[in-house]
Amino acid sequence: MIENQKIRPAQVIGPLGEPLTVDSLPPANTTRWVVRRKAEVVAAVNGGLLSIDDVCERYHLTLEEFASWQRAVDRSGMQGLRVTRIQHYRDLYERQQKY
């Protein structure tokens, strides 16, 4: 029976090096998504603290929206999550793919 249980860590390291727990994540009713909050949620999923399904349900996100956050962090770090810089980082990534 134990094999079927999902074992999750009690905490993971956040984007700024601080420990993150489920209680320290942004509240479920968050509507203003600043870079730090997005990065914390991505770090929670990457560290196994929450599943993608848990995040989408908890924060009322679409899978595509969360996946775009993950791609932005993978490609450009926290700066890639800045809404004002999305096009810049997208163009930069596409240029890098050509060469």
PDB file of N, CA and C in Angstrom:
ATOM      1  N   MET A   1       0.805  -1.196   0.000  1.00  0.00           N
ATOM      2  CA  MET A   1       0.000   0.000   0.000  1.00  0.00           C
ATOM      3  C   MET A   1       0.850   1.264   0.000  1.00  0.00           C
ATOM      4  N   ILE A   2       1.999   1.214   0.630  1.00  0.00           N
ATOM      5  CA  ILE A   2       2.843   2.392   0.714  1.00  0.00           C
ATOM      6  C   ILE A   2       3.309   2.828  -0.670  1.00  0.00           C
ATOM      7  N   GLU A   3       3.478   1.873  -1.585  1.00  0.00           N
ATOM      8  CA  GLU A   3       3.940   2.220  -2.923  1.00  0.00           C
ATOM      9  C   GLU A   3       2.973   3.167  -3.628  1.00  0.00           C
ATOM     10  N   ASN A   4       1.700   3.113  -3.277  1.00  0.00           N
ATOM     11  CA  ASN A   4       0.697   3.932  -3.946  1.00  0.00           C
ATOM     12  C   ASN A   4       0.617   5.345  -3.380  1.00  0.00           C
ATOM     13  N   GLN A   5       1.208   5.577  -2.216  1.00  0.00           N
ATOM     14  CA  GLN A   5       1.157   6.903  -1.616  1.00  0.00           C
ATOM     15  C   GLN A   5       2.181   7.805  -2.285  1.00  0.00           C
ATOM     16  N   LYS A   6       1.797   9.029  -2.477  1.00  0.00           N
ATOM     17  CA  LYS A   6       2.715  10.001  -3.061  1.00  0.00           C
ATOM     18  C   LYS A   6       3.520  10.632  -1.936  1.00  0.00           C
ATOM     19  N   ILE A   7       4.819  10.440  -1.970  1.00  0.00           N
ATOM     20  CA  ILE A   7       5.681  11.023  -0.956  1.00  0.00           C
ATOM     21  C   ILE A   7       6.171  12.365  -1.469  1.00  0.00           C
ATOM     22  N   ARG A   8       5.890  13.393  -0.693  1.00  0.00           N
ATOM     23  CA  ARG A   8       6.284  14.745  -1.083  1.00  0.00           C
ATOM     24  C   ARG A   8       7.155  15.342   0.005  1.00  0.00           C
ATOM     25  N   PRO A   9       8.086  16.165  -0.388  1.00  0.00           N
ATOM     26  CA  PRO A   9       8.929  16.798   0.628  1.00  0.00           C
ATOM     27  C   PRO A   9       8.132  17.805   1.451  1.00  0.00           C
ATOM     28  N   ALA A  10       8.587  18.048   2.674  1.00  0.00           N
ATOM     29  CA  ALA A  10       7.931  19.038   3.528  1.00  0.00           C
ATOM     30  C   ALA A  10       8.265  20.447   3.077  1.00  0.00           C
ATOM     31  N   GLN A  11       9.441  20.607   2.454  1.00  0.00           N
ATOM     32  CA  GLN A  11       9.837  21.919   1.950  1.00  0.00           C
ATOM     33  C   GLN A  11      10.802  21.749   0.790  1.00  0.00           C
ATOM     34  N   VAL A  12      10.877  22.781  -0.024  1.00  0.00           N
ATOM     35  CA  VAL A  12      11.823  22.843  -1.137  1.00  0.00           C
ATOM     36  C   VAL A  12      12.513  24.198  -1.088  1.00  0.00           C
ATOM     37  N   ILE A  13      13.567  24.331  -1.847  1.00  0.00           N
ATOM     38  CA  ILE A  13      14.275  25.613  -1.912  1.00  0.00           C
ATOM     39  C   ILE A  13      13.601  26.488  -2.961  1.00  0.00           C
ATOM     40  N   GLY A  14      13.254  27.692  -2.557  1.00  0.00           N
ATOM     41  CA  GLY A  14      12.574  28.631  -3.444  1.00  0.00           C
ATOM     42  C   GLY A  14      13.534  29.318  -4.391  1.00  0.00           C
ATOM     43  N   PRO A  15      13.009  30.162  -5.263  1.00  0.00           N
ATOM     44  CA  PRO A  15      13.829  30.825  -6.277  1.00  0.00           C
ATOM     45  C   PRO A  15      14.859  31.794  -5.712  1.00  0.00           C
ATOM     46  N   LEU A  16      14.631  32.271  -4.500  1.00  0.00           N
ATOM     47  CA  LEU A  16      15.572  33.199  -3.877  1.00  0.00           C
ATOM     48  C   LEU A  16      16.419  32.512  -2.811  1.00  0.00           C
ATOM     49  N   GLY A  17      16.365  31.171  -2.759  1.00  0.00           N
ATOM     50  CA  GLY A  17      17.167  30.412  -1.820  1.00  0.00           C
ATOM     51  C   GLY A  17      16.515  30.168  -0.473  1.00  0.00           C
ATOM     52  N   GLU A  18      15.302  30.630  -0.290  1.00  0.00           N
ATOM     53  CA  GLU A  18      14.592  30.460   0.961  1.00  0.00           C
ATOM     54  C   GLU A  18      13.801  29.152   0.946  1.00  0.00           C
ATOM     55  N   PRO A  19      13.559  28.542   2.111  1.00  0.00           N
ATOM     56  CA  PRO A  19      12.747  27.320   2.130  1.00  0.00           C
ATOM     57  C   PRO A  19      11.280  27.649   1.838  1.00  0.00           C
ATOM     58  N   LEU A  20      10.656  26.824   1.009  1.00  0.00           N
ATOM     59  CA  LEU A  20       9.236  26.984   0.693  1.00  0.00           C
ATOM     60  C   LEU A  20       8.471  25.781   1.227  1.00  0.00           C
ATOM     61  N   THR A  21       7.364  26.046   1.868  1.00  0.00           N
ATOM     62  CA  THR A  21       6.442  24.990   2.287  1.00  0.00           C
ATOM     63  C   THR A  21       5.097  25.279   1.627  1.00  0.00           C
ATOM     64  N   VAL A  22       4.179  24.348   1.735  1.00  0.00           N
ATOM     65  CA  VAL A  22       2.843  24.577   1.162  1.00  0.00           C
ATOM     66  C   VAL A  22       2.215  25.810   1.797  1.00  0.00           C
ATOM     67  N   ASP A  23       2.449  26.000   3.101  1.00  0.00           N
ATOM     68  CA  ASP A  23       1.868  27.155   3.796  1.00  0.00           C
ATOM     69  C   ASP A  23       2.500  28.483   3.396  1.00  0.00           C
ATOM     70  N   SER A  24       3.750  28.461   2.941  1.00  0.00           N
ATOM     71  CA  SER A  24       4.414  29.710   2.574  1.00  0.00           C
ATOM     72  C   SER A  24       4.222  30.084   1.102  1.00  0.00           C
ATOM     73  N   LEU A  25       3.560  29.224   0.341  1.00  0.00           N
ATOM     74  CA  LEU A  25       3.272  29.535  -1.062  1.00  0.00           C
ATOM     75  C   LEU A  25       2.230  30.651  -1.132  1.00  0.00           C
ATOM     76  N   PRO A  26       2.119  31.302  -2.287  1.00  0.00           N
ATOM     77  CA  PRO A  26       1.085  32.340  -2.417  1.00  0.00           C
ATOM     78  C   PRO A  26      -0.300  31.774  -2.087  1.00  0.00           C
ATOM     79  N   PRO A  27      -1.173  32.603  -1.517  1.00  0.00           N
ATOM     80  CA  PRO A  27      -2.522  32.132  -1.183  1.00  0.00           C
ATOM     81  C   PRO A  27      -3.283  31.673  -2.426  1.00  0.00           C
ATOM     82  N   ALA A  28      -4.241  30.794  -2.219  1.00  0.00           N
ATOM     83  CA  ALA A  28      -5.011  30.232  -3.328  1.00  0.00           C
ATOM     84  C   ALA A  28      -5.815  31.295  -4.069  1.00  0.00           C
ATOM     85  N   ASN A  29      -6.159  32.375  -3.410  1.00  0.00           N
ATOM     86  CA  ASN A  29      -6.969  33.427  -4.057  1.00  0.00           C
ATOM     87  C   ASN A  29      -6.115  34.501  -4.716  1.00  0.00           C
ATOM     88  N   THR A  30      -4.841  34.227  -4.978  1.00  0.00           N
ATOM     89  CA  THR A  30      -3.944  35.201  -5.591  1.00  0.00           C
ATOM     90  C   THR A  30      -4.439  35.558  -6.990  1.00  0.00           C
ATOM     91  N   THR A  31      -4.536  36.855  -7.252  1.00  0.00           N
ATOM     92  CA  THR A  31      -4.928  37.301  -8.591  1.00  0.00           C
ATOM     93  C   THR A  31      -3.831  38.148  -9.227  1.00  0.00           C
ATOM     94  N   ARG A  32      -2.965  38.736  -8.424  1.00  0.00           N
ATOM     95  CA  ARG A  32      -1.870  39.562  -8.947  1.00  0.00           C
ATOM     96  C   ARG A  32      -0.590  38.734  -8.898  1.00  0.00           C
ATOM     97  N   TRP A  33      -0.154  38.295 -10.066  1.00  0.00           N
ATOM     98  CA  TRP A  33       0.978  37.389 -10.165  1.00  0.00           C
ATOM     99  C   TRP A  33       2.251  38.147 -10.491  1.00  0.00           C
ATOM    100  N   VAL A  34       3.013  38.473  -9.463  1.00  0.00           N
ATOM    101  CA  VAL A  34       4.307  39.101  -9.669  1.00  0.00           C
ATOM    102  C   VAL A  34       5.344  38.003  -9.921  1.00  0.00           C
ATOM    103  N   VAL A  35       6.505  38.394 -10.390  1.00  0.00           N
ATOM    104  CA  VAL A  35       7.553  37.451 -10.772  1.00  0.00           C
ATOM    105  C   VAL A  35       7.886  36.493  -9.630  1.00  0.00           C
ATOM    106  N   ARG A  36       8.060  37.006  -8.432  1.00  0.00           N
ATOM    107  CA  ARG A  36       8.444  36.167  -7.295  1.00  0.00           C
ATOM    108  C   ARG A  36       7.403  35.084  -7.016  1.00  0.00           C
ATOM    109  N   ARG A  37       6.127  35.430  -7.055  1.00  0.00           N
ATOM    110  CA  ARG A  37       5.070  34.446  -6.790  1.00  0.00           C
ATOM    111  C   ARG A  37       5.041  33.366  -7.867  1.00  0.00           C
ATOM    112  N   LYS A  38       5.164  33.768  -9.120  1.00  0.00           N
ATOM    113  CA  LYS A  38       5.202  32.778 -10.197  1.00  0.00           C
ATOM    114  C   LYS A  38       6.382  31.839 -10.011  1.00  0.00           C
ATOM    115  N   ALA A  39       7.542  32.409  -9.701  1.00  0.00           N
ATOM    116  CA  ALA A  39       8.756  31.606  -9.532  1.00  0.00           C
ATOM    117  C   ALA A  39       8.622  30.655  -8.340  1.00  0.00           C
ATOM    118  N   GLU A  40       7.963  31.075  -7.281  1.00  0.00           N
ATOM    119  CA  GLU A  40       7.758  30.202  -6.132  1.00  0.00           C
ATOM    120  C   GLU A  40       6.886  29.003  -6.497  1.00  0.00           C
ATOM    121  N   VAL A  41       5.839  29.246  -7.260  1.00  0.00           N
ATOM    122  CA  VAL A  41       4.954  28.162  -7.670  1.00  0.00           C
ATOM    123  C   VAL A  41       5.695  27.191  -8.595  1.00  0.00           C
ATOM    124  N   VAL A  42       6.477  27.702  -9.518  1.00  0.00           N
ATOM    125  CA  VAL A  42       7.263  26.841 -10.412  1.00  0.00           C
ATOM    126  C   VAL A  42       8.263  26.024  -9.598  1.00  0.00           C
ATOM    127  N   ALA A  43       8.919  26.648  -8.627  1.00  0.00           N
ATOM    128  CA  ALA A  43       9.879  25.939  -7.780  1.00  0.00           C
ATOM    129  C   ALA A  43       9.190  24.848  -6.964  1.00  0.00           C
ATOM    130  N   ALA A  44       7.981  25.116  -6.500  1.00  0.00           N
ATOM    131  CA  ALA A  44       7.227  24.119  -5.730  1.00  0.00           C
ATOM    132  C   ALA A  44       6.928  22.889  -6.576  1.00  0.00           C
ATOM    133  N   VAL A  45       6.566  23.100  -7.825  1.00  0.00           N
ATOM    134  CA  VAL A  45       6.284  21.968  -8.712  1.00  0.00           C
ATOM    135  C   VAL A  45       7.580  21.238  -9.064  1.00  0.00           C
ATOM    136  N   ASN A  46       8.619  21.984  -9.407  1.00  0.00           N
ATOM    137  CA  ASN A  46       9.893  21.361  -9.777  1.00  0.00           C
ATOM    138  C   ASN A  46      10.493  20.560  -8.622  1.00  0.00           C
ATOM    139  N   GLY A  47      10.261  21.016  -7.389  1.00  0.00           N
ATOM    140  CA  GLY A  47      10.775  20.321  -6.221  1.00  0.00           C
ATOM    141  C   GLY A  47       9.884  19.208  -5.711  1.00  0.00           C
ATOM    142  N   GLY A  48       8.691  19.067  -6.295  1.00  0.00           N
ATOM    143  CA  GLY A  48       7.789  17.998  -5.893  1.00  0.00           C
ATOM    144  C   GLY A  48       6.873  18.347  -4.737  1.00  0.00           C
ATOM    145  N   LEU A  49       6.856  19.602  -4.332  1.00  0.00           N
ATOM    146  CA  LEU A  49       5.995  20.023  -3.234  1.00  0.00           C
ATOM    147  C   LEU A  49       4.522  19.954  -3.628  1.00  0.00           C
ATOM    148  N   LEU A  50       4.229  20.337  -4.863  1.00  0.00           N
ATOM    149  CA  LEU A  50       2.878  20.257  -5.433  1.00  0.00           C
ATOM    150  C   LEU A  50       2.968  19.656  -6.823  1.00  0.00           C
ATOM    151  N   SER A  51       1.887  19.049  -7.260  1.00  0.00           N
ATOM    152  CA  SER A  51       1.834  18.557  -8.636  1.00  0.00           C
ATOM    153  C   SER A  51       1.287  19.670  -9.537  1.00  0.00           C
ATOM    154  N   ILE A  52       1.456  19.499 -10.810  1.00  0.00           N
ATOM    155  CA  ILE A  52       0.920  20.491 -11.756  1.00  0.00           C
ATOM    156  C   ILE A  52      -0.598  20.574 -11.619  1.00  0.00           C
ATOM    157  N   ASP A  53      -1.240  19.425 -11.454  1.00  0.00           N
ATOM    158  CA  ASP A  53      -2.698  19.424 -11.289  1.00  0.00           C
ATOM    159  C   ASP A  53      -3.105  20.186 -10.033  1.00  0.00           C
ATOM    160  N   ASP A  54      -2.346  19.989  -8.944  1.00  0.00           N
ATOM    161  CA  ASP A  54      -2.639  20.712  -7.699  1.00  0.00           C
ATOM    162  C   ASP A  54      -2.537  22.223  -7.911  1.00  0.00           C
ATOM    163  N   VAL A  55      -1.488  22.654  -8.606  1.00  0.00           N
ATOM    164  CA  VAL A  55      -1.270  24.081  -8.847  1.00  0.00           C
ATOM    165  C   VAL A  55      -2.387  24.666  -9.702  1.00  0.00           C
ATOM    166  N   CYS A  56      -2.726  23.969 -10.777  1.00  0.00           N
ATOM    167  CA  CYS A  56      -3.778  24.481 -11.667  1.00  0.00           C
ATOM    168  C   CYS A  56      -5.110  24.600 -10.938  1.00  0.00           C
ATOM    169  N   GLU A  57      -5.410  23.613 -10.099  1.00  0.00           N
ATOM    170  CA  GLU A  57      -6.662  23.653  -9.350  1.00  0.00           C
ATOM    171  C   GLU A  57      -6.624  24.715  -8.256  1.00  0.00           C
ATOM    172  N   ARG A  58      -5.537  24.764  -7.524  1.00  0.00           N
ATOM    173  CA  ARG A  58      -5.417  25.699  -6.397  1.00  0.00           C
ATOM    174  C   ARG A  58      -5.453  27.152  -6.850  1.00  0.00           C
ATOM    175  N   TYR A  59      -4.756  27.455  -7.942  1.00  0.00           N
ATOM    176  CA  TYR A  59      -4.635  28.844  -8.390  1.00  0.00           C
ATOM    177  C   TYR A  59      -5.511  29.181  -9.596  1.00  0.00           C
ATOM    178  N   HIS A  60      -6.340  28.260 -10.018  1.00  0.00           N
ATOM    179  CA  HIS A  60      -7.243  28.473 -11.157  1.00  0.00           C
ATOM    180  C   HIS A  60      -6.463  28.877 -12.405  1.00  0.00           C
ATOM    181  N   LEU A  61      -5.385  28.120 -12.672  1.00  0.00           N
ATOM    182  CA  LEU A  61      -4.563  28.357 -13.855  1.00  0.00           C
ATOM    183  C   LEU A  61      -4.863  27.297 -14.897  1.00  0.00           C
ATOM    184  N   THR A  62      -4.644  27.654 -16.147  1.00  0.00           N
ATOM    185  CA  THR A  62      -4.726  26.628 -17.184  1.00  0.00           C
ATOM    186  C   THR A  62      -3.363  25.936 -17.253  1.00  0.00           C
ATOM    187  N   LEU A  63      -3.358  24.753 -17.790  1.00  0.00           N
ATOM    188  CA  LEU A  63      -2.107  24.022 -17.955  1.00  0.00           C
ATOM    189  C   LEU A  63      -1.149  24.797 -18.842  1.00  0.00           C
ATOM    190  N   GLU A  64      -1.681  25.446 -19.879  1.00  0.00           N
ATOM    191  CA  GLU A  64      -0.856  26.228 -20.799  1.00  0.00           C
ATOM    192  C   GLU A  64      -0.209  27.414 -20.096  1.00  0.00           C
ATOM    193  N   GLU A  65      -0.970  28.067 -19.214  1.00  0.00           N
ATOM    194  CA  GLU A  65      -0.425  29.221 -18.505  1.00  0.00           C
ATOM    195  C   GLU A  65       0.726  28.794 -17.594  1.00  0.00           C
ATOM    196  N   PHE A  66       0.513  27.725 -16.832  1.00  0.00           N
ATOM    197  CA  PHE A  66       1.581  27.261 -15.954  1.00  0.00           C
ATOM    198  C   PHE A  66       2.786  26.776 -16.766  1.00  0.00           C
ATOM    199  N   ALA A  67       2.531  26.074 -17.858  1.00  0.00           N
ATOM    200  CA  ALA A  67       3.632  25.586 -18.704  1.00  0.00           C
ATOM    201  C   ALA A  67       4.442  26.760 -19.256  1.00  0.00           C
ATOM    202  N   SER A  68       3.787  27.867 -19.560  1.00  0.00           N
ATOM    203  CA  SER A  68       4.514  29.042 -20.060  1.00  0.00           C
ATOM    204  C   SER A  68       5.418  29.608 -18.967  1.00  0.00           C
ATOM    205  N   TRP A  69       4.981  29.551 -17.714  1.00  0.00           N
ATOM    206  CA  TRP A  69       5.831  29.993 -16.604  1.00  0.00           C
ATOM    207  C   TRP A  69       7.055  29.094 -16.498  1.00  0.00           C
ATOM    208  N   GLN A  70       6.840  27.789 -16.599  1.00  0.00           N
ATOM    209  CA  GLN A  70       7.969  26.851 -16.498  1.00  0.00           C
ATOM    210  C   GLN A  70       8.965  27.071 -17.629  1.00  0.00           C
ATOM    211  N   ARG A  71       8.463  27.248 -18.839  1.00  0.00           N
ATOM    212  CA  ARG A  71       9.353  27.495 -19.981  1.00  0.00           C
ATOM    213  C   ARG A  71      10.145  28.787 -19.772  1.00  0.00           C
ATOM    214  N   ALA A  72       9.479  29.818 -19.292  1.00  0.00           N
ATOM    215  CA  ALA A  72      10.149  31.106 -19.083  1.00  0.00           C
ATOM    216  C   ALA A  72      11.272  30.975 -18.059  1.00  0.00           C
ATOM    217  N   VAL A  73      11.026  30.242 -16.981  1.00  0.00           N
ATOM    218  CA  VAL A  73      12.054  30.054 -15.963  1.00  0.00           C
ATOM    219  C   VAL A  73      13.202  29.213 -16.523  1.00  0.00           C
ATOM    220  N   ASP A  74      12.874  28.168 -17.260  1.00  0.00           N
ATOM    221  CA  ASP A  74      13.914  27.306 -17.845  1.00  0.00           C
ATOM    222  C   ASP A  74      14.792  28.076 -18.825  1.00  0.00           C
ATOM    223  N   ARG A  75      14.189  28.924 -19.603  1.00  0.00           N
ATOM    224  CA  ARG A  75      14.933  29.644 -20.641  1.00  0.00           C
ATOM    225  C   ARG A  75      15.680  30.859 -20.117  1.00  0.00           C
ATOM    226  N   SER A  76      15.030  31.646 -19.251  1.00  0.00           N
ATOM    227  CA  SER A  76      15.581  32.950 -18.888  1.00  0.00           C
ATOM    228  C   SER A  76      15.631  33.219 -17.399  1.00  0.00           C
ATOM    229  N   GLY A  77      15.320  32.252 -16.578  1.00  0.00           N
ATOM    230  CA  GLY A  77      15.300  32.478 -15.140  1.00  0.00           C
ATOM    231  C   GLY A  77      14.104  33.328 -14.729  1.00  0.00           C
ATOM    232  N   MET A  78      14.183  33.890 -13.549  1.00  0.00           N
ATOM    233  CA  MET A  78      13.062  34.681 -13.037  1.00  0.00           C
ATOM    234  C   MET A  78      12.737  35.866 -13.934  1.00  0.00           C
ATOM    235  N   GLN A  79      13.747  36.445 -14.570  1.00  0.00           N
ATOM    236  CA  GLN A  79      13.499  37.603 -15.432  1.00  0.00           C
ATOM    237  C   GLN A  79      12.571  37.259 -16.596  1.00  0.00           C
ATOM    238  N   GLY A  80      12.579  36.011 -17.013  1.00  0.00           N
ATOM    239  CA  GLY A  80      11.703  35.592 -18.109  1.00  0.00           C
ATOM    240  C   GLY A  80      10.237  35.646 -17.743  1.00  0.00           C
ATOM    241  N   LEU A  81       9.930  35.721 -16.457  1.00  0.00           N
ATOM    242  CA  LEU A  81       8.542  35.781 -16.003  1.00  0.00           C
ATOM    243  C   LEU A  81       7.969  37.192 -16.029  1.00  0.00           C
ATOM    244  N   ARG A  82       8.808  38.173 -16.284  1.00  0.00           N
ATOM    245  CA  ARG A  82       8.317  39.548 -16.329  1.00  0.00           C
ATOM    246  C   ARG A  82       7.443  39.729 -17.557  1.00  0.00           C
ATOM    247  N   VAL A  83       6.237  40.162 -17.346  1.00  0.00           N
ATOM    248  CA  VAL A  83       5.272  40.322 -18.436  1.00  0.00           C
ATOM    249  C   VAL A  83       5.777  41.310 -19.475  1.00  0.00           C
ATOM    250  N   THR A  84       6.452  42.348 -19.035  1.00  0.00           N
ATOM    251  CA  THR A  84       6.909  43.373 -19.967  1.00  0.00           C
ATOM    252  C   THR A  84       8.060  42.905 -20.838  1.00  0.00           C
ATOM    253  N   ARG A  85       8.686  41.784 -20.499  1.00  0.00           N
ATOM    254  CA  ARG A  85       9.849  41.311 -21.242  1.00  0.00           C
ATOM    255  C   ARG A  85       9.587  40.025 -22.013  1.00  0.00           C
ATOM    256  N   ILE A  86       8.369  39.530 -22.008  1.00  0.00           N
ATOM    257  CA  ILE A  86       8.066  38.240 -22.645  1.00  0.00           C
ATOM    258  C   ILE A  86       8.493  38.226 -24.102  1.00  0.00           C
ATOM    259  N   GLN A  87       8.128  39.224 -24.865  1.00  0.00           N
ATOM    260  CA  GLN A  87       8.455  39.246 -26.287  1.00  0.00           C
ATOM    261  C   GLN A  87       9.967  39.299 -26.500  1.00  0.00           C
ATOM    262  N   HIS A  88      10.662  40.084 -25.697  1.00  0.00           N
ATOM    263  CA  HIS A  88      12.117  40.173 -25.817  1.00  0.00           C
ATOM    264  C   HIS A  88      12.760  38.808 -25.621  1.00  0.00           C
ATOM    265  N   TYR A  89      12.382  38.109 -24.553  1.00  0.00           N
ATOM    266  CA  TYR A  89      12.982  36.806 -24.269  1.00  0.00           C
ATOM    267  C   TYR A  89      12.554  35.760 -25.298  1.00  0.00           C
ATOM    268  N   ARG A  90      11.341  35.873 -25.805  1.00  0.00           N
ATOM    269  CA  ARG A  90      10.883  34.938 -26.839  1.00  0.00           C
ATOM    270  C   ARG A  90      11.716  35.109 -28.106  1.00  0.00           C
ATOM    271  N   ASP A  91      11.929  36.352 -28.514  1.00  0.00           N
ATOM    272  CA  ASP A  91      12.752  36.620 -29.702  1.00  0.00           C
ATOM    273  C   ASP A  91      14.191  36.144 -29.499  1.00  0.00           C
ATOM    274  N   LEU A  92      14.742  36.398 -28.332  1.00  0.00           N
ATOM    275  CA  LEU A  92      16.105  35.973 -28.022  1.00  0.00           C
ATOM    276  C   LEU A  92      16.227  34.455 -28.091  1.00  0.00           C
ATOM    277  N   TYR A  93      15.260  33.751 -27.522  1.00  0.00           N
ATOM    278  CA  TYR A  93      15.274  32.289 -27.539  1.00  0.00           C
ATOM    279  C   TYR A  93      15.171  31.757 -28.974  1.00  0.00           C
ATOM    280  N   GLU A  94      14.307  32.356 -29.780  1.00  0.00           N
ATOM    281  CA  GLU A  94      14.146  31.911 -31.169  1.00  0.00           C
ATOM    282  C   GLU A  94      15.429  32.138 -31.972  1.00  0.00           C
ATOM    283  N   ARG A  95      16.097  33.259 -31.734  1.00  0.00           N
ATOM    284  CA  ARG A  95      17.384  33.506 -32.421  1.00  0.00           C
ATOM    285  C   ARG A  95      18.423  32.486 -32.021  1.00  0.00           C
ATOM    286  N   GLN A  96      18.469  32.120 -30.735  1.00  0.00           N
ATOM    287  CA  GLN A  96      19.430  31.134 -30.264  1.00  0.00           C
ATOM    288  C   GLN A  96      19.152  29.763 -30.876  1.00  0.00           C
ATOM    289  N   GLN A  97      17.917  29.447 -31.124  1.00  0.00           N
ATOM    290  CA  GLN A  97      17.562  28.156 -31.710  1.00  0.00           C
ATOM    291  C   GLN A  97      18.008  28.040 -33.156  1.00  0.00           C
ATOM    292  N   LYS A  98      18.152  29.162 -33.855  1.00  0.00           N
ATOM    293  CA  LYS A  98      18.545  29.149 -35.266  1.00  0.00           C
ATOM    294  C   LYS A  98      20.015  28.830 -35.431  1.00  0.00           C
ATOM    295  N   TYR A  99      20.819  29.146 -34.426  1.00  0.00           N
ATOM    296  CA  TYR A  99      22.264  28.978 -34.561  1.00  0.00           C
ATOM    297  C   TYR A  99      22.774  27.823 -33.788  1.00  0.00           C
TER     298      TYR A  99
END
